[in-house]
PDB file of N, CA and C in Angstrom:
ATOM      1  N   MET A   1       1.200  -0.911  -0.225  1.00  0.00           N
ATOM      2  CA  MET A   1       0.036   0.513  -0.758  1.00  0.00           C
ATOM      3  C   MET A   1       1.113   1.482   0.429  1.00  0.00           C
ATOM      4  N   SER A   2       0.461   2.371  -0.995  1.00  0.00           N
ATOM      5  CA  SER A   2       1.388   3.388  -0.951  1.00  0.00           C
ATOM      6  C   SER A   2       1.088   3.994   0.721  1.00  0.00           C
ATOM      7  N   ARG A   3       1.942   5.780   0.911  1.00  0.00           N
ATOM      8  CA  ARG A   3       1.887   5.879   2.150  1.00  0.00           C
ATOM      9  C   ARG A   3       0.301   7.251   1.666  1.00  0.00           C
ATOM     10  N   ILE A   4       0.681   7.346   0.340  1.00  0.00           N
ATOM     11  CA  ILE A   4      -1.166   8.004   0.619  1.00  0.00           C
ATOM     12  C   ILE A   4      -2.407   7.119   0.934  1.00  0.00           C
ATOM     13  N   GLU A   5      -2.413   5.681   0.489  1.00  0.00           N
ATOM     14  CA  GLU A   5      -3.008   5.164   1.332  1.00  0.00           C
ATOM     15  C   GLU A   5      -3.008   4.635   2.493  1.00  0.00           C
ATOM     16  N   GLU A   6      -2.297   5.109   3.238  1.00  0.00           N
ATOM     17  CA  GLU A   6      -2.511   4.718   4.383  1.00  0.00           C
ATOM     18  C   GLU A   6      -2.931   5.609   5.475  1.00  0.00           C
ATOM     19  N   GLU A   7      -2.500   6.762   4.819  1.00  0.00           N
ATOM     20  CA  GLU A   7      -2.660   7.854   5.385  1.00  0.00           C
ATOM     21  C   GLU A   7      -4.340   8.054   5.018  1.00  0.00           C
ATOM     22  N   VAL A   8      -5.275   7.377   4.191  1.00  0.00           N
ATOM     23  CA  VAL A   8      -6.510   7.652   3.873  1.00  0.00           C
ATOM     24  C   VAL A   8      -6.542   6.457   4.808  1.00  0.00           C
ATOM     25  N   CYS A   9      -6.740   5.386   5.082  1.00  0.00           N
ATOM     26  CA  CYS A   9      -6.534   4.375   5.751  1.00  0.00           C
ATOM     27  C   CYS A   9      -6.542   4.857   7.671  1.00  0.00           C
ATOM     28  N   LYS A  10      -6.134   5.661   8.032  1.00  0.00           N
ATOM     29  CA  LYS A  10      -4.785   5.941   9.354  1.00  0.00           C
ATOM     30  C   LYS A  10      -6.549   7.399   9.227  1.00  0.00           C
ATOM     31  N   LYS A  11      -7.096   7.987   8.183  1.00  0.00           N
ATOM     32  CA  LYS A  11      -7.794   9.360   8.754  1.00  0.00           C
ATOM     33  C   LYS A  11      -9.058   8.498   8.600  1.00  0.00           C
ATOM     34  N   ILE A  12      -9.325   6.608   7.682  1.00  0.00           N
ATOM     35  CA  ILE A  12     -10.884   6.389   7.744  1.00  0.00           C
ATOM     36  C   ILE A  12     -11.492   5.824   9.169  1.00  0.00           C
ATOM     37  N   GLU A  13     -10.417   5.157  10.206  1.00  0.00           N
ATOM     38  CA  GLU A  13     -10.032   4.553  11.202  1.00  0.00           C
ATOM     39  C   GLU A  13     -10.342   5.609  12.268  1.00  0.00           C
ATOM     40  N   GLN A  14     -10.241   7.071  12.320  1.00  0.00           N
ATOM     41  CA  GLN A  14     -10.426   8.159  12.740  1.00  0.00           C
ATOM     42  C   GLN A  14     -11.650   9.029  12.898  1.00  0.00           C
ATOM     43  N   ARG A  15     -12.461   8.645  11.823  1.00  0.00           N
ATOM     44  CA  ARG A  15     -13.634   9.020  11.630  1.00  0.00           C
ATOM     45  C   ARG A  15     -14.152   8.226  12.200  1.00  0.00           C
ATOM     46  N   ALA A  16     -13.731   7.008  12.460  1.00  0.00           N
ATOM     47  CA  ALA A  16     -15.125   5.336  13.311  1.00  0.00           C
ATOM     48  C   ALA A  16     -14.526   5.938  14.936  1.00  0.00           C
ATOM     49  N   LYS A  17     -13.579   6.315  15.125  1.00  0.00           N
ATOM     50  CA  LYS A  17     -13.482   6.512  15.771  1.00  0.00           C
ATOM     51  C   LYS A  17     -13.803   7.690  17.415  1.00  0.00           C
ATOM     52  N   VAL A  18     -14.408   8.575  16.091  1.00  0.00           N
ATOM     53  CA  VAL A  18     -14.777   9.927  16.324  1.00  0.00           C
ATOM     54  C   VAL A  18     -16.783   9.706  15.776  1.00  0.00           C
ATOM     55  N   GLY A  19     -16.910   8.506  15.223  1.00  0.00           N
ATOM     56  CA  GLY A  19     -18.016   8.663  14.781  1.00  0.00           C
ATOM     57  C   GLY A  19     -19.232   7.823  16.215  1.00  0.00           C
ATOM     58  N   LEU A  20     -17.984   6.996  16.911  1.00  0.00           N
ATOM     59  CA  LEU A  20     -18.381   6.387  17.505  1.00  0.00           C
ATOM     60  C   LEU A  20     -18.619   6.673  18.988  1.00  0.00           C
ATOM     61  N   SER A  21     -17.475   7.662  19.367  1.00  0.00           N
ATOM     62  CA  SER A  21     -17.530   8.029  20.618  1.00  0.00           C
ATOM     63  C   SER A  21     -18.820   9.124  19.978  1.00  0.00           C
ATOM     64  N   LYS A  22     -19.103   9.866  19.359  1.00  0.00           N
ATOM     65  CA  LYS A  22     -20.531  11.403  18.803  1.00  0.00           C
ATOM     66  C   LYS A  22     -21.722  10.823  19.089  1.00  0.00           C
ATOM     67  N   TYR A  23     -21.618   9.520  18.863  1.00  0.00           N
ATOM     68  CA  TYR A  23     -23.441   8.790  18.350  1.00  0.00           C
ATOM     69  C   TYR A  23     -22.812   7.338  19.341  1.00  0.00           C
ATOM     70  N   GLY A  24     -21.773   6.880  19.382  1.00  0.00           N
ATOM     71  CA  GLY A  24     -22.354   5.584  20.174  1.00  0.00           C
ATOM     72  C   GLY A  24     -22.474   4.342  19.641  1.00  0.00           C
ATOM     73  N   VAL A  25     -22.504   4.590  18.294  1.00  0.00           N
ATOM     74  CA  VAL A  25     -22.614   3.784  17.062  1.00  0.00           C
ATOM     75  C   VAL A  25     -21.688   3.380  16.280  1.00  0.00           C
ATOM     76  N   THR A  26     -21.856   1.677  15.973  1.00  0.00           N
ATOM     77  CA  THR A  26     -20.969   2.288  14.392  1.00  0.00           C
ATOM     78  C   THR A  26     -21.178   2.239  13.110  1.00  0.00           C
ATOM     79  N   MET A  27     -20.607   1.916  11.895  1.00  0.00           N
ATOM     80  CA  MET A  27     -21.183   1.848  10.618  1.00  0.00           C
ATOM     81  C   MET A  27     -22.115   0.490  10.407  1.00  0.00           C
ATOM     82  N   GLU A  28     -21.661  -0.504  11.405  1.00  0.00           N
ATOM     83  CA  GLU A  28     -21.805  -1.820  11.564  1.00  0.00           C
ATOM     84  C   GLU A  28     -23.775  -1.908  11.990  1.00  0.00           C
ATOM     85  N   THR A  29     -23.501  -1.420  13.678  1.00  0.00           N
ATOM     86  CA  THR A  29     -24.508  -1.219  14.228  1.00  0.00           C
ATOM     87  C   THR A  29     -25.506  -0.174  14.158  1.00  0.00           C
ATOM     88  N   ALA A  30     -25.337   0.795  13.609  1.00  0.00           N
ATOM     89  CA  ALA A  30     -26.322   1.831  13.268  1.00  0.00           C
ATOM     90  C   ALA A  30     -27.825   1.696  13.254  1.00  0.00           C
ATOM     91  N   PRO A  31     -29.267   1.895  13.680  1.00  0.00           N
ATOM     92  CA  PRO A  31     -29.845   1.213  12.896  1.00  0.00           C
ATOM     93  C   PRO A  31     -30.582   2.245  12.133  1.00  0.00           C
ATOM     94  N   LEU A  32     -30.344   2.158  11.207  1.00  0.00           N
ATOM     95  CA  LEU A  32     -30.737   3.572   9.866  1.00  0.00           C
ATOM     96  C   LEU A  32     -31.596   2.516   8.334  1.00  0.00           C
ATOM     97  N   SER A  33     -32.166   3.401   8.099  1.00  0.00           N
ATOM     98  CA  SER A  33     -33.375   2.192   6.958  1.00  0.00           C
ATOM     99  C   SER A  33     -32.237   2.104   5.633  1.00  0.00           C
ATOM    100  N   ARG A  34     -32.047   1.766   4.990  1.00  0.00           N
ATOM    101  CA  ARG A  34     -31.649   2.166   3.417  1.00  0.00           C
ATOM    102  C   ARG A  34     -31.717   3.344   2.661  1.00  0.00           C
ATOM    103  N   LEU A  35     -33.310   3.813   3.456  1.00  0.00           N
ATOM    104  CA  LEU A  35     -33.497   5.390   2.355  1.00  0.00           C
ATOM    105  C   LEU A  35     -32.351   6.232   3.411  1.00  0.00           C
ATOM    106  N   GLU A  36     -32.228   6.361   4.640  1.00  0.00           N
ATOM    107  CA  GLU A  36     -31.465   6.844   5.853  1.00  0.00           C
ATOM    108  C   GLU A  36     -30.202   6.535   5.310  1.00  0.00           C
ATOM    109  N   TRP A  37     -29.295   6.033   4.212  1.00  0.00           N
ATOM    110  CA  TRP A  37     -28.222   5.262   4.736  1.00  0.00           C
ATOM    111  C   TRP A  37     -28.126   6.559   2.706  1.00  0.00           C
ATOM    112  N   LEU A  38     -29.298   6.335   2.574  1.00  0.00           N
ATOM    113  CA  LEU A  38     -28.538   6.871   1.336  1.00  0.00           C
ATOM    114  C   LEU A  38     -29.136   8.492   1.065  1.00  0.00           C
ATOM    115  N   VAL A  39     -29.967   9.224   2.187  1.00  0.00           N
ATOM    116  CA  VAL A  39     -30.235  10.437   2.008  1.00  0.00           C
ATOM    117  C   VAL A  39     -28.348  10.735   3.024  1.00  0.00           C
ATOM    118  N   HIS A  40     -28.574  10.363   3.795  1.00  0.00           N
ATOM    119  CA  HIS A  40     -26.730  10.267   4.280  1.00  0.00           C
ATOM    120  C   HIS A  40     -25.970  10.796   3.320  1.00  0.00           C
ATOM    121  N   ALA A  41     -26.171   9.879   2.513  1.00  0.00           N
ATOM    122  CA  ALA A  41     -24.479   9.088   0.912  1.00  0.00           C
ATOM    123  C   ALA A  41     -24.921  10.863   0.440  1.00  0.00           C
ATOM    124  N   GLN A  42     -25.985  11.291   0.756  1.00  0.00           N
ATOM    125  CA  GLN A  42     -26.478  12.028  -1.152  1.00  0.00           C
ATOM    126  C   GLN A  42     -25.908  13.092  -0.278  1.00  0.00           C
ATOM    127  N   GLU A  43     -26.860  13.507   1.499  1.00  0.00           N
ATOM    128  CA  GLU A  43     -25.835  14.780   2.017  1.00  0.00           C
ATOM    129  C   GLU A  43     -24.522  15.418   1.666  1.00  0.00           C
ATOM    130  N   GLU A  44     -23.678  14.349   1.966  1.00  0.00           N
ATOM    131  CA  GLU A  44     -22.150  13.890   2.050  1.00  0.00           C
ATOM    132  C   GLU A  44     -21.367  14.597   0.785  1.00  0.00           C
ATOM    133  N   ALA A  45     -22.742  14.335  -0.252  1.00  0.00           N
ATOM    134  CA  ALA A  45     -21.948  14.155  -1.708  1.00  0.00           C
ATOM    135  C   ALA A  45     -22.571  15.621  -2.189  1.00  0.00           C
ATOM    136  N   MET A  46     -23.455  16.572  -1.749  1.00  0.00           N
ATOM    137  CA  MET A  46     -23.814  17.511  -1.404  1.00  0.00           C
ATOM    138  C   MET A  46     -22.649  18.752  -0.915  1.00  0.00           C
ATOM    139  N   ASP A  47     -22.696  18.235   0.475  1.00  0.00           N
ATOM    140  CA  ASP A  47     -20.749  18.927   0.767  1.00  0.00           C
ATOM    141  C   ASP A  47     -19.825  18.862   0.366  1.00  0.00           C
ATOM    142  N   LEU A  48     -19.725  18.175  -0.260  1.00  0.00           N
ATOM    143  CA  LEU A  48     -18.421  17.476  -1.807  1.00  0.00           C
ATOM    144  C   LEU A  48     -18.753  17.881  -2.229  1.00  0.00           C
ATOM    145  N   ALA A  49     -19.435  19.038  -2.940  1.00  0.00           N
ATOM    146  CA  ALA A  49     -19.929  20.092  -4.291  1.00  0.00           C
ATOM    147  C   ALA A  49     -19.820  20.815  -3.506  1.00  0.00           C
ATOM    148  N   VAL A  50     -20.023  21.372  -2.308  1.00  0.00           N
ATOM    149  CA  VAL A  50     -20.131  22.338  -2.141  1.00  0.00           C
ATOM    150  C   VAL A  50     -18.641  22.871  -2.263  1.00  0.00           C
ATOM    151  N   TYR A  51     -17.963  22.103  -0.451  1.00  0.00           N
ATOM    152  CA  TYR A  51     -16.447  22.612  -0.854  1.00  0.00           C
ATOM    153  C   TYR A  51     -15.719  22.254  -2.481  1.00  0.00           C
ATOM    154  N   LEU A  52     -15.528  21.193  -3.520  1.00  0.00           N
ATOM    155  CA  LEU A  52     -15.763  21.360  -4.902  1.00  0.00           C
ATOM    156  C   LEU A  52     -16.031  22.473  -5.393  1.00  0.00           C
ATOM    157  N   GLN A  53     -16.992  23.562  -5.120  1.00  0.00           N
ATOM    158  CA  GLN A  53     -16.793  24.739  -6.037  1.00  0.00           C
ATOM    159  C   GLN A  53     -16.101  26.115  -5.327  1.00  0.00           C
ATOM    160  N   LYS A  54     -16.656  25.905  -3.964  1.00  0.00           N
ATOM    161  CA  LYS A  54     -15.498  27.223  -2.909  1.00  0.00           C
ATOM    162  C   LYS A  54     -13.496  26.958  -4.048  1.00  0.00           C
ATOM    163  N   LEU A  55     -13.204  25.576  -4.158  1.00  0.00           N
ATOM    164  CA  LEU A  55     -12.214  25.294  -4.598  1.00  0.00           C
ATOM    165  C   LEU A  55     -11.781  25.916  -5.994  1.00  0.00           C
ATOM    166  N   ILE A  56     -13.044  25.159  -6.717  1.00  0.00           N
ATOM    167  CA  ILE A  56     -13.043  25.794  -8.617  1.00  0.00           C
ATOM    168  C   ILE A  56     -12.789  27.580  -8.251  1.00  0.00           C
ATOM    169  N   GLU A  57     -13.585  27.628  -7.329  1.00  0.00           N
ATOM    170  CA  GLU A  57     -13.583  29.481  -7.692  1.00  0.00           C
ATOM    171  C   GLU A  57     -12.158  30.205  -6.745  1.00  0.00           C
ATOM    172  N   MET A  58     -11.131  29.799  -5.927  1.00  0.00           N
ATOM    173  CA  MET A  58     -10.689  30.151  -5.936  1.00  0.00           C
ATOM    174  C   MET A  58      -9.888  30.009  -6.953  1.00  0.00           C
ATOM    175  N   GLU A  59     -10.033  28.947  -7.197  1.00  0.00           N
ATOM    176  CA  GLU A  59      -8.501  28.939  -8.140  1.00  0.00           C
ATOM    177  C   GLU A  59      -8.676  29.807  -9.120  1.00  0.00           C
ATOM    178  N   VAL A  60      -9.705  29.887  -9.894  1.00  0.00           N
ATOM    179  CA  VAL A  60     -10.205  31.169 -10.661  1.00  0.00           C
ATOM    180  C   VAL A  60      -9.506  32.852 -10.291  1.00  0.00           C
ATOM    181  N   GLU A  61      -9.990  32.416  -9.247  1.00  0.00           N
ATOM    182  CA  GLU A  61      -9.234  34.311  -8.271  1.00  0.00           C
ATOM    183  C   GLU A  61      -8.549  34.564  -8.701  1.00  0.00           C
TER     184      GLU A  61
END
């Protein structure tokens, strides 16, 4: 595995720990429906789109 992939894995582990601490559940044990998971994923994707737009605008300025 590359250094970059290892860094991503570390960040995933850190986020999992934060999520467990904050919500008291893991991705496996979170009692969400399929629709709720889809909505969460969509919200995350929309946040990413906003971040990307901001970065694009910063590059154009």
